[in-house]
Amino acid sequence: GWRVQRRDLAEDYQTEVNTYLFEYDGYYAGAIDLGWKEFIIVSEGLVKELSSEELDAIIAHDDSHIFKQEAKLAVLIGFLSPIVLIGKNVVYSLLDFRAREYHADRFAAEMTSPEQLVGALETLQILKAKERAESDRMRATTPTMMPLLNEGKVSVGDSLIEQYFDYFFGDFAVTE
């Protein structure tokens, strides 16, 4: 499980958006805009693994999504997709979310430095690869009676926060 710690990271990093640390060993950061409240959440696992410069770049990237109202749009898509029976990744493609990710990266590079952003993205890529390898190892060693469910991809190791981000954001920003 995970629990949000009410420690505001905005004091430590250059952002005016409330940025909270949540107790989770996985590697997550995300911008959330509910319309009446906007914030960035960062996992303890990510804080432990990234340098402060890399973390600054990640927070700047998510700050861009708040500033450009993209975090609000992502939350809306997450809620509306099941209602209109369209997959959220289809909607993301129609709204060119990949370009939005590139713009957020450009903003982060301008707010920090290109080297900080590249360092953060490289570290994230390594961490995600380790996480996938561990997840695959767990799935391979976890007995199941339904080996064909989801084409053999049984989500026995997915945490609530992983399921939440996968549902709302589809790991869209981390692919390719």
N, C-alpha and C. Protein backbone atom coordinates (compact mmCIF):
# COMPACT_ATOMS: atom_id res chain seq x y z
N GLY A 1 0.81 -1.19 0.00
CA GLY A 1 0.00 0.00 0.00
C GLY A 1 0.84 1.25 0.00
N TRP A 2 0.18 2.35 -0.08
CA TRP A 2 0.87 3.64 -0.07
C TRP A 2 0.04 4.63 0.70
N ARG A 3 0.69 5.66 1.16
CA ARG A 3 0.03 6.68 1.95
C ARG A 3 0.68 8.02 1.64
N VAL A 4 -0.13 9.04 1.44
CA VAL A 4 0.40 10.37 1.15
C VAL A 4 0.90 11.00 2.44
N GLN A 5 2.11 11.49 2.37
CA GLN A 5 2.68 12.19 3.51
C GLN A 5 2.44 13.68 3.28
N ARG A 6 1.95 14.38 4.25
CA ARG A 6 1.56 15.77 4.07
C ARG A 6 2.76 16.72 4.06
N ARG A 7 3.91 16.22 3.68
CA ARG A 7 5.09 17.07 3.57
C ARG A 7 5.09 17.73 2.21
N ASP A 8 5.07 19.03 2.16
CA ASP A 8 5.01 19.76 0.91
C ASP A 8 6.41 19.89 0.33
N LEU A 9 6.66 19.22 -0.78
CA LEU A 9 7.98 19.27 -1.41
C LEU A 9 8.21 20.57 -2.17
N ALA A 10 7.16 21.37 -2.34
CA ALA A 10 7.31 22.63 -3.08
C ALA A 10 8.33 23.53 -2.40
N GLU A 11 8.51 23.37 -1.09
CA GLU A 11 9.51 24.17 -0.38
C GLU A 11 10.91 23.80 -0.84
N ASP A 12 11.13 22.53 -1.20
CA ASP A 12 12.46 22.06 -1.58
C ASP A 12 12.75 22.25 -3.07
N TYR A 13 11.72 22.32 -3.89
CA TYR A 13 11.90 22.39 -5.33
C TYR A 13 11.20 23.63 -5.87
N GLN A 14 11.67 24.11 -7.01
CA GLN A 14 11.19 25.38 -7.53
C GLN A 14 9.87 25.23 -8.27
N THR A 15 8.78 25.22 -7.51
CA THR A 15 7.45 25.19 -8.09
C THR A 15 6.49 25.86 -7.11
N GLU A 16 5.44 26.43 -7.64
CA GLU A 16 4.41 27.03 -6.79
C GLU A 16 3.25 26.07 -6.59
N VAL A 17 3.27 24.95 -7.29
CA VAL A 17 2.22 23.94 -7.16
C VAL A 17 2.52 23.10 -5.92
N ASN A 18 1.50 22.78 -5.13
CA ASN A 18 1.70 21.90 -3.99
C ASN A 18 2.23 20.57 -4.50
N THR A 19 3.35 20.15 -3.96
CA THR A 19 4.00 18.92 -4.39
C THR A 19 4.16 18.04 -3.16
N TYR A 20 3.55 16.85 -3.22
CA TYR A 20 3.51 15.98 -2.06
C TYR A 20 4.30 14.70 -2.29
N LEU A 21 4.88 14.23 -1.22
CA LEU A 21 5.59 12.96 -1.20
C LEU A 21 4.60 11.89 -0.74
N PHE A 22 4.56 10.76 -1.44
CA PHE A 22 3.74 9.68 -0.93
C PHE A 22 4.60 8.45 -0.70
N GLU A 23 4.24 7.73 0.34
CA GLU A 23 5.01 6.56 0.76
C GLU A 23 4.74 5.41 -0.18
N TYR A 24 5.64 5.23 -1.11
CA TYR A 24 5.56 4.14 -2.06
C TYR A 24 6.96 3.93 -2.63
N ASP A 25 7.41 2.69 -2.70
CA ASP A 25 8.76 2.41 -3.17
C ASP A 25 8.89 2.42 -4.69
N GLY A 26 7.76 2.43 -5.40
CA GLY A 26 7.79 2.48 -6.85
C GLY A 26 8.25 3.85 -7.33
N TYR A 27 8.29 4.01 -8.64
CA TYR A 27 8.84 5.24 -9.24
C TYR A 27 7.75 6.00 -9.98
N TYR A 28 7.15 6.95 -9.28
CA TYR A 28 6.05 7.72 -9.86
C TYR A 28 6.15 9.19 -9.52
N ALA A 29 5.78 9.98 -10.49
CA ALA A 29 5.55 11.41 -10.30
C ALA A 29 4.41 11.74 -11.25
N GLY A 30 3.52 12.59 -10.82
CA GLY A 30 2.41 12.93 -11.69
C GLY A 30 1.74 14.22 -11.28
N ALA A 31 1.20 14.89 -12.28
CA ALA A 31 0.45 16.13 -12.06
C ALA A 31 -1.03 15.78 -12.07
N ILE A 32 -1.75 16.31 -11.09
CA ILE A 32 -3.18 16.06 -10.98
C ILE A 32 -3.87 17.40 -10.79
N ASP A 33 -4.90 17.64 -11.60
CA ASP A 33 -5.68 18.86 -11.49
C ASP A 33 -7.14 18.46 -11.45
N LEU A 34 -7.75 18.65 -10.29
CA LEU A 34 -9.15 18.26 -10.10
C LEU A 34 -10.12 19.40 -10.42
N GLY A 35 -9.59 20.52 -10.86
CA GLY A 35 -10.43 21.68 -11.13
C GLY A 35 -10.41 22.67 -9.98
N TRP A 36 -10.54 22.17 -8.78
CA TRP A 36 -10.53 23.02 -7.59
C TRP A 36 -9.21 22.90 -6.83
N LYS A 37 -8.42 21.86 -7.15
CA LYS A 37 -7.14 21.66 -6.49
C LYS A 37 -6.18 21.02 -7.48
N GLU A 38 -5.00 21.56 -7.53
CA GLU A 38 -3.97 21.00 -8.40
C GLU A 38 -2.74 20.68 -7.56
N PHE A 39 -2.10 19.58 -7.89
CA PHE A 39 -0.92 19.18 -7.13
C PHE A 39 -0.09 18.19 -7.93
N ILE A 40 1.14 18.03 -7.48
CA ILE A 40 2.06 17.06 -8.05
C ILE A 40 2.37 16.07 -6.93
N ILE A 41 2.36 14.78 -7.27
CA ILE A 41 2.74 13.77 -6.29
C ILE A 41 4.02 13.09 -6.76
N VAL A 42 4.86 12.78 -5.81
CA VAL A 42 6.14 12.13 -6.10
C VAL A 42 6.32 11.00 -5.10
N SER A 43 6.69 9.83 -5.58
CA SER A 43 6.88 8.68 -4.69
C SER A 43 8.21 8.75 -3.97
N GLU A 44 8.24 8.15 -2.78
CA GLU A 44 9.49 8.07 -2.03
C GLU A 44 10.56 7.33 -2.84
N GLY A 45 10.15 6.29 -3.55
CA GLY A 45 11.10 5.53 -4.37
C GLY A 45 11.81 6.41 -5.37
N LEU A 46 11.06 7.31 -6.00
CA LEU A 46 11.66 8.22 -6.98
C LEU A 46 12.59 9.21 -6.30
N VAL A 47 12.17 9.74 -5.17
CA VAL A 47 13.00 10.70 -4.43
C VAL A 47 14.32 10.05 -4.01
N LYS A 48 14.25 8.77 -3.61
CA LYS A 48 15.45 8.06 -3.16
C LYS A 48 16.43 7.81 -4.31
N GLU A 49 15.91 7.59 -5.52
CA GLU A 49 16.75 7.19 -6.64
C GLU A 49 17.28 8.34 -7.50
N LEU A 50 16.55 9.46 -7.54
CA LEU A 50 16.97 10.57 -8.39
C LEU A 50 17.82 11.56 -7.59
N SER A 51 18.73 12.20 -8.29
CA SER A 51 19.47 13.30 -7.67
C SER A 51 18.50 14.48 -7.53
N SER A 52 18.85 15.46 -6.72
CA SER A 52 17.96 16.62 -6.55
C SER A 52 17.80 17.37 -7.88
N GLU A 53 18.85 17.39 -8.70
CA GLU A 53 18.76 18.05 -10.00
C GLU A 53 17.80 17.31 -10.92
N GLU A 54 17.86 15.98 -10.91
CA GLU A 54 16.95 15.19 -11.74
C GLU A 54 15.51 15.35 -11.25
N LEU A 55 15.33 15.38 -9.94
CA LEU A 55 13.99 15.55 -9.38
C LEU A 55 13.42 16.93 -9.74
N ASP A 56 14.27 17.95 -9.74
CA ASP A 56 13.84 19.28 -10.18
C ASP A 56 13.28 19.22 -11.60
N ALA A 57 13.96 18.49 -12.48
CA ALA A 57 13.52 18.39 -13.88
C ALA A 57 12.18 17.66 -13.98
N ILE A 58 12.00 16.60 -13.20
CA ILE A 58 10.74 15.85 -13.22
C ILE A 58 9.60 16.73 -12.72
N ILE A 59 9.83 17.46 -11.64
CA ILE A 59 8.79 18.34 -11.09
C ILE A 59 8.48 19.46 -12.07
N ALA A 60 9.50 20.00 -12.73
CA ALA A 60 9.27 21.05 -13.74
C ALA A 60 8.43 20.50 -14.89
N HIS A 61 8.69 19.26 -15.30
CA HIS A 61 7.91 18.63 -16.37
C HIS A 61 6.43 18.57 -15.96
N ASP A 62 6.18 18.10 -14.74
CA ASP A 62 4.79 17.99 -14.28
C ASP A 62 4.17 19.36 -14.03
N ASP A 63 4.98 20.32 -13.63
CA ASP A 63 4.51 21.70 -13.47
C ASP A 63 3.95 22.23 -14.80
N SER A 64 4.59 21.87 -15.89
CA SER A 64 4.12 22.27 -17.21
C SER A 64 2.73 21.72 -17.50
N HIS A 65 2.49 20.47 -17.12
CA HIS A 65 1.16 19.87 -17.34
C HIS A 65 0.08 20.60 -16.54
N ILE A 66 0.42 21.09 -15.36
CA ILE A 66 -0.53 21.89 -14.57
C ILE A 66 -0.76 23.22 -15.26
N PHE A 67 0.31 23.91 -15.60
CA PHE A 67 0.24 25.24 -16.20
C PHE A 67 -0.57 25.24 -17.50
N LYS A 68 -0.39 24.21 -18.31
CA LYS A 68 -1.08 24.15 -19.62
C LYS A 68 -2.43 23.44 -19.55
N GLN A 69 -2.93 23.18 -18.34
CA GLN A 69 -4.23 22.55 -18.13
C GLN A 69 -4.29 21.11 -18.62
N GLU A 70 -3.16 20.51 -18.93
CA GLU A 70 -3.14 19.14 -19.43
C GLU A 70 -3.43 18.12 -18.33
N ALA A 71 -3.07 18.44 -17.10
CA ALA A 71 -3.37 17.52 -16.00
C ALA A 71 -4.88 17.43 -15.78
N LYS A 72 -5.56 18.56 -15.91
CA LYS A 72 -7.02 18.56 -15.80
C LYS A 72 -7.64 17.75 -16.94
N LEU A 73 -7.11 17.92 -18.13
CA LEU A 73 -7.60 17.18 -19.29
C LEU A 73 -7.38 15.67 -19.11
N ALA A 74 -6.23 15.28 -18.57
CA ALA A 74 -5.95 13.85 -18.35
C ALA A 74 -6.92 13.24 -17.34
N VAL A 75 -7.23 13.96 -16.29
CA VAL A 75 -8.20 13.46 -15.31
C VAL A 75 -9.58 13.33 -15.95
N LEU A 76 -9.97 14.33 -16.73
CA LEU A 76 -11.26 14.27 -17.44
C LEU A 76 -11.33 13.07 -18.38
N ILE A 77 -10.26 12.84 -19.12
CA ILE A 77 -10.23 11.71 -20.04
C ILE A 77 -10.38 10.40 -19.27
N GLY A 78 -9.70 10.30 -18.14
CA GLY A 78 -9.79 9.10 -17.33
C GLY A 78 -11.20 8.81 -16.86
N PHE A 79 -11.95 9.86 -16.53
CA PHE A 79 -13.33 9.66 -16.07
C PHE A 79 -14.30 9.47 -17.22
N LEU A 80 -14.09 10.17 -18.33
CA LEU A 80 -15.06 10.12 -19.43
C LEU A 80 -14.87 8.94 -20.37
N SER A 81 -13.65 8.42 -20.50
CA SER A 81 -13.39 7.33 -21.43
C SER A 81 -14.33 6.14 -21.25
N PRO A 82 -14.52 5.65 -20.02
CA PRO A 82 -15.43 4.50 -19.87
C PRO A 82 -16.89 4.84 -20.19
N ILE A 83 -17.28 6.08 -19.95
CA ILE A 83 -18.66 6.49 -20.19
C ILE A 83 -18.97 6.51 -21.67
N VAL A 84 -18.03 7.03 -22.48
CA VAL A 84 -18.26 7.11 -23.92
C VAL A 84 -17.69 5.90 -24.66
N LEU A 85 -17.19 4.92 -23.89
CA LEU A 85 -16.68 3.66 -24.43
C LEU A 85 -15.56 3.84 -25.46
N ILE A 86 -14.67 4.76 -25.15
CA ILE A 86 -13.47 4.95 -25.98
C ILE A 86 -12.27 4.81 -25.05
N GLY A 87 -11.30 4.03 -25.45
CA GLY A 87 -10.10 3.86 -24.64
C GLY A 87 -9.36 5.16 -24.45
N LYS A 88 -8.81 5.35 -23.26
CA LYS A 88 -8.13 6.61 -22.97
C LYS A 88 -6.92 6.83 -23.87
N ASN A 89 -6.23 5.75 -24.25
CA ASN A 89 -5.07 5.94 -25.12
C ASN A 89 -5.48 6.37 -26.53
N VAL A 90 -6.70 5.99 -26.96
CA VAL A 90 -7.23 6.48 -28.24
C VAL A 90 -7.44 7.99 -28.14
N VAL A 91 -8.03 8.43 -27.04
CA VAL A 91 -8.27 9.86 -26.84
C VAL A 91 -6.93 10.60 -26.75
N TYR A 92 -5.97 10.02 -26.03
CA TYR A 92 -4.64 10.63 -25.93
C TYR A 92 -4.04 10.83 -27.32
N SER A 93 -4.18 9.82 -28.18
CA SER A 93 -3.64 9.93 -29.53
C SER A 93 -4.34 11.02 -30.33
N LEU A 94 -5.67 11.08 -30.20
CA LEU A 94 -6.43 12.10 -30.92
C LEU A 94 -6.04 13.51 -30.48
N LEU A 95 -5.74 13.65 -29.20
CA LEU A 95 -5.36 14.96 -28.66
C LEU A 95 -3.84 15.18 -28.67
N ASP A 96 -3.12 14.29 -29.31
CA ASP A 96 -1.67 14.38 -29.48
C ASP A 96 -0.94 14.59 -28.15
N PHE A 97 -1.19 13.69 -27.22
CA PHE A 97 -0.54 13.78 -25.91
C PHE A 97 0.97 13.58 -26.00
N ARG A 98 1.44 12.86 -27.02
CA ARG A 98 2.89 12.70 -27.18
C ARG A 98 3.54 14.08 -27.38
N ALA A 99 2.92 14.92 -28.20
CA ALA A 99 3.45 16.27 -28.40
C ALA A 99 3.41 17.06 -27.10
N ARG A 100 2.37 16.84 -26.30
CA ARG A 100 2.26 17.52 -25.01
C ARG A 100 3.40 17.09 -24.08
N GLU A 101 3.77 15.81 -24.15
CA GLU A 101 4.90 15.31 -23.36
C GLU A 101 6.20 15.98 -23.81
N TYR A 102 6.39 16.11 -25.11
CA TYR A 102 7.60 16.77 -25.61
C TYR A 102 7.64 18.23 -25.18
N HIS A 103 6.48 18.90 -25.21
CA HIS A 103 6.44 20.30 -24.76
C HIS A 103 6.77 20.41 -23.27
N ALA A 104 6.26 19.46 -22.49
CA ALA A 104 6.57 19.46 -21.05
C ALA A 104 8.06 19.20 -20.83
N ASP A 105 8.65 18.34 -21.65
CA ASP A 105 10.09 18.11 -21.56
C ASP A 105 10.87 19.37 -21.91
N ARG A 106 10.43 20.05 -22.95
CA ARG A 106 11.10 21.30 -23.36
C ARG A 106 11.00 22.33 -22.23
N PHE A 107 9.83 22.45 -21.63
CA PHE A 107 9.64 23.37 -20.51
C PHE A 107 10.59 23.00 -19.36
N ALA A 108 10.67 21.71 -19.03
CA ALA A 108 11.54 21.26 -17.94
C ALA A 108 13.00 21.58 -18.26
N ALA A 109 13.42 21.39 -19.51
CA ALA A 109 14.80 21.70 -19.90
C ALA A 109 15.08 23.20 -19.78
N GLU A 110 14.09 24.02 -20.11
CA GLU A 110 14.25 25.47 -19.98
C GLU A 110 14.28 25.91 -18.52
N MET A 111 13.46 25.28 -17.68
CA MET A 111 13.39 25.65 -16.27
C MET A 111 14.58 25.14 -15.47
N THR A 112 15.17 24.04 -15.90
CA THR A 112 16.33 23.48 -15.20
C THR A 112 17.52 23.57 -16.16
N SER A 113 17.82 22.50 -16.84
CA SER A 113 18.82 22.50 -17.91
C SER A 113 18.58 21.25 -18.74
N PRO A 114 19.01 21.28 -20.01
CA PRO A 114 18.85 20.07 -20.83
C PRO A 114 19.55 18.86 -20.22
N GLU A 115 20.71 19.08 -19.60
CA GLU A 115 21.46 17.98 -18.99
C GLU A 115 20.69 17.37 -17.81
N GLN A 116 20.05 18.21 -17.01
CA GLN A 116 19.25 17.70 -15.89
C GLN A 116 18.10 16.84 -16.39
N LEU A 117 17.42 17.32 -17.42
CA LEU A 117 16.30 16.56 -17.97
C LEU A 117 16.76 15.24 -18.56
N VAL A 118 17.81 15.26 -19.35
CA VAL A 118 18.33 14.03 -19.95
C VAL A 118 18.75 13.05 -18.86
N GLY A 119 19.42 13.56 -17.83
CA GLY A 119 19.82 12.70 -16.71
C GLY A 119 18.61 12.05 -16.04
N ALA A 120 17.57 12.85 -15.83
CA ALA A 120 16.35 12.33 -15.19
C ALA A 120 15.68 11.28 -16.07
N LEU A 121 15.59 11.55 -17.36
CA LEU A 121 14.94 10.59 -18.27
C LEU A 121 15.75 9.30 -18.38
N GLU A 122 17.08 9.41 -18.40
CA GLU A 122 17.90 8.20 -18.45
C GLU A 122 17.75 7.38 -17.17
N THR A 123 17.76 8.07 -16.02
CA THR A 123 17.58 7.36 -14.76
C THR A 123 16.21 6.70 -14.70
N LEU A 124 15.17 7.41 -15.14
CA LEU A 124 13.82 6.83 -15.16
C LEU A 124 13.75 5.59 -16.04
N GLN A 125 14.42 5.64 -17.18
CA GLN A 125 14.42 4.51 -18.09
C GLN A 125 15.06 3.29 -17.41
N ILE A 126 16.15 3.49 -16.71
CA ILE A 126 16.82 2.40 -15.99
C ILE A 126 15.92 1.86 -14.88
N LEU A 127 15.31 2.77 -14.11
CA LEU A 127 14.44 2.36 -13.01
C LEU A 127 13.22 1.59 -13.51
N LYS A 128 12.62 2.06 -14.60
CA LYS A 128 11.46 1.37 -15.17
C LYS A 128 11.84 -0.02 -15.67
N ALA A 129 13.03 -0.15 -16.26
CA ALA A 129 13.49 -1.46 -16.74
C ALA A 129 13.68 -2.41 -15.56
N LYS A 130 14.26 -1.92 -14.47
CA LYS A 130 14.42 -2.75 -13.27
C LYS A 130 13.07 -3.15 -12.71
N GLU A 131 12.14 -2.20 -12.68
CA GLU A 131 10.80 -2.46 -12.15
C GLU A 131 10.08 -3.52 -13.00
N ARG A 132 10.19 -3.41 -14.33
CA ARG A 132 9.56 -4.38 -15.22
C ARG A 132 10.18 -5.77 -15.03
N ALA A 133 11.50 -5.81 -14.91
CA ALA A 133 12.18 -7.09 -14.72
C ALA A 133 11.73 -7.74 -13.41
N GLU A 134 11.62 -6.95 -12.35
CA GLU A 134 11.16 -7.48 -11.06
C GLU A 134 9.71 -7.95 -11.17
N SER A 135 8.88 -7.18 -11.83
CA SER A 135 7.48 -7.55 -12.01
C SER A 135 7.36 -8.85 -12.80
N ASP A 136 8.16 -8.96 -13.87
CA ASP A 136 8.15 -10.18 -14.68
C ASP A 136 8.62 -11.37 -13.86
N ARG A 137 9.65 -11.16 -13.02
CA ARG A 137 10.15 -12.23 -12.17
C ARG A 137 9.06 -12.67 -11.20
N MET A 138 8.35 -11.70 -10.60
CA MET A 138 7.28 -12.02 -9.67
C MET A 138 6.16 -12.78 -10.36
N ARG A 139 5.80 -12.35 -11.55
CA ARG A 139 4.73 -13.03 -12.29
C ARG A 139 5.13 -14.44 -12.65
N ALA A 140 6.41 -14.63 -12.99
CA ALA A 140 6.89 -15.95 -13.38
C ALA A 140 6.92 -16.91 -12.20
N THR A 141 7.08 -16.39 -10.99
CA THR A 141 7.18 -17.27 -9.82
C THR A 141 5.89 -17.34 -9.02
N THR A 142 4.85 -16.59 -9.45
CA THR A 142 3.58 -16.61 -8.74
C THR A 142 2.65 -17.62 -9.40
N PRO A 143 2.27 -18.65 -8.67
CA PRO A 143 1.37 -19.65 -9.27
C PRO A 143 -0.01 -19.06 -9.53
N THR A 144 -0.61 -19.45 -10.62
CA THR A 144 -1.94 -18.96 -10.96
C THR A 144 -2.71 -20.07 -11.65
N MET A 145 -4.01 -20.01 -11.51
CA MET A 145 -4.85 -21.00 -12.17
C MET A 145 -5.36 -20.49 -13.51
N MET A 146 -5.02 -19.25 -13.87
CA MET A 146 -5.51 -18.66 -15.11
C MET A 146 -4.34 -18.15 -15.95
N PRO A 147 -3.54 -19.03 -16.52
CA PRO A 147 -2.34 -18.59 -17.24
C PRO A 147 -2.64 -17.83 -18.52
N LEU A 148 -3.85 -17.96 -19.06
CA LEU A 148 -4.15 -17.29 -20.31
C LEU A 148 -4.85 -15.95 -20.13
N LEU A 149 -5.14 -15.58 -18.89
CA LEU A 149 -5.79 -14.31 -18.63
C LEU A 149 -4.90 -13.17 -19.11
N ASN A 150 -5.46 -12.24 -19.85
CA ASN A 150 -4.69 -11.11 -20.39
C ASN A 150 -3.47 -11.59 -21.17
N GLU A 151 -3.64 -12.63 -21.97
CA GLU A 151 -2.56 -13.21 -22.77
C GLU A 151 -1.36 -13.56 -21.91
N GLY A 152 -1.60 -14.11 -20.73
CA GLY A 152 -0.53 -14.52 -19.85
C GLY A 152 -0.02 -13.44 -18.93
N LYS A 153 -0.55 -12.23 -19.05
CA LYS A 153 -0.09 -11.11 -18.23
C LYS A 153 -1.03 -10.96 -17.04
N VAL A 154 -0.78 -11.68 -16.00
CA VAL A 154 -1.62 -11.62 -14.80
C VAL A 154 -1.08 -10.52 -13.90
N SER A 155 -1.92 -9.62 -13.50
CA SER A 155 -1.50 -8.45 -12.74
C SER A 155 -1.47 -8.72 -11.24
N VAL A 156 -0.78 -9.76 -10.83
CA VAL A 156 -0.74 -10.09 -9.41
C VAL A 156 0.12 -9.12 -8.62
N GLY A 157 1.10 -8.49 -9.25
CA GLY A 157 2.02 -7.63 -8.51
C GLY A 157 1.67 -6.16 -8.57
N ASP A 158 0.63 -5.78 -9.31
CA ASP A 158 0.31 -4.37 -9.46
C ASP A 158 -0.29 -3.80 -8.19
N SER A 159 0.24 -2.69 -7.74
CA SER A 159 -0.28 -2.03 -6.55
C SER A 159 -1.45 -1.12 -6.94
N LEU A 160 -2.12 -0.61 -5.96
CA LEU A 160 -3.24 0.30 -6.20
C LEU A 160 -2.77 1.53 -6.97
N ILE A 161 -1.63 2.10 -6.59
CA ILE A 161 -1.15 3.31 -7.28
C ILE A 161 -0.77 2.99 -8.72
N GLU A 162 -0.18 1.81 -8.98
CA GLU A 162 0.13 1.43 -10.35
C GLU A 162 -1.14 1.27 -11.17
N GLN A 163 -2.17 0.68 -10.57
CA GLN A 163 -3.44 0.51 -11.26
C GLN A 163 -4.08 1.87 -11.54
N TYR A 164 -3.99 2.79 -10.57
CA TYR A 164 -4.55 4.13 -10.74
C TYR A 164 -3.88 4.84 -11.91
N PHE A 165 -2.54 4.88 -11.90
CA PHE A 165 -1.84 5.58 -12.96
C PHE A 165 -2.04 4.91 -14.31
N ASP A 166 -2.08 3.58 -14.32
CA ASP A 166 -2.31 2.89 -15.57
C ASP A 166 -3.70 3.22 -16.11
N TYR A 167 -4.70 3.28 -15.21
CA TYR A 167 -6.06 3.60 -15.65
C TYR A 167 -6.15 5.02 -16.19
N PHE A 168 -5.65 5.98 -15.41
CA PHE A 168 -5.81 7.37 -15.81
C PHE A 168 -4.81 7.81 -16.87
N PHE A 169 -3.61 7.32 -16.82
CA PHE A 169 -2.57 7.84 -17.70
C PHE A 169 -1.99 6.79 -18.62
N GLY A 170 -2.27 5.51 -18.38
CA GLY A 170 -1.86 4.45 -19.29
C GLY A 170 -0.36 4.34 -19.46
N ASP A 171 0.42 4.86 -18.52
CA ASP A 171 1.87 4.86 -18.62
C ASP A 171 2.29 5.51 -19.94
N PHE A 172 1.45 6.42 -20.44
CA PHE A 172 1.63 7.04 -21.73
C PHE A 172 2.95 7.81 -21.84
N ALA A 173 3.28 8.53 -20.78
CA ALA A 173 4.48 9.37 -20.81
C ALA A 173 5.76 8.56 -20.73
N VAL A 174 5.68 7.32 -20.32
CA VAL A 174 6.89 6.55 -20.10
C VAL A 174 7.20 5.62 -21.28
N THR A 175 6.24 5.45 -22.19
CA THR A 175 6.47 4.54 -23.30
C THR A 175 7.37 5.21 -24.34
N GLU A 176 8.19 4.41 -24.96
CA GLU A 176 9.14 4.83 -26.01
C GLU A 176 9.90 6.04 -25.59
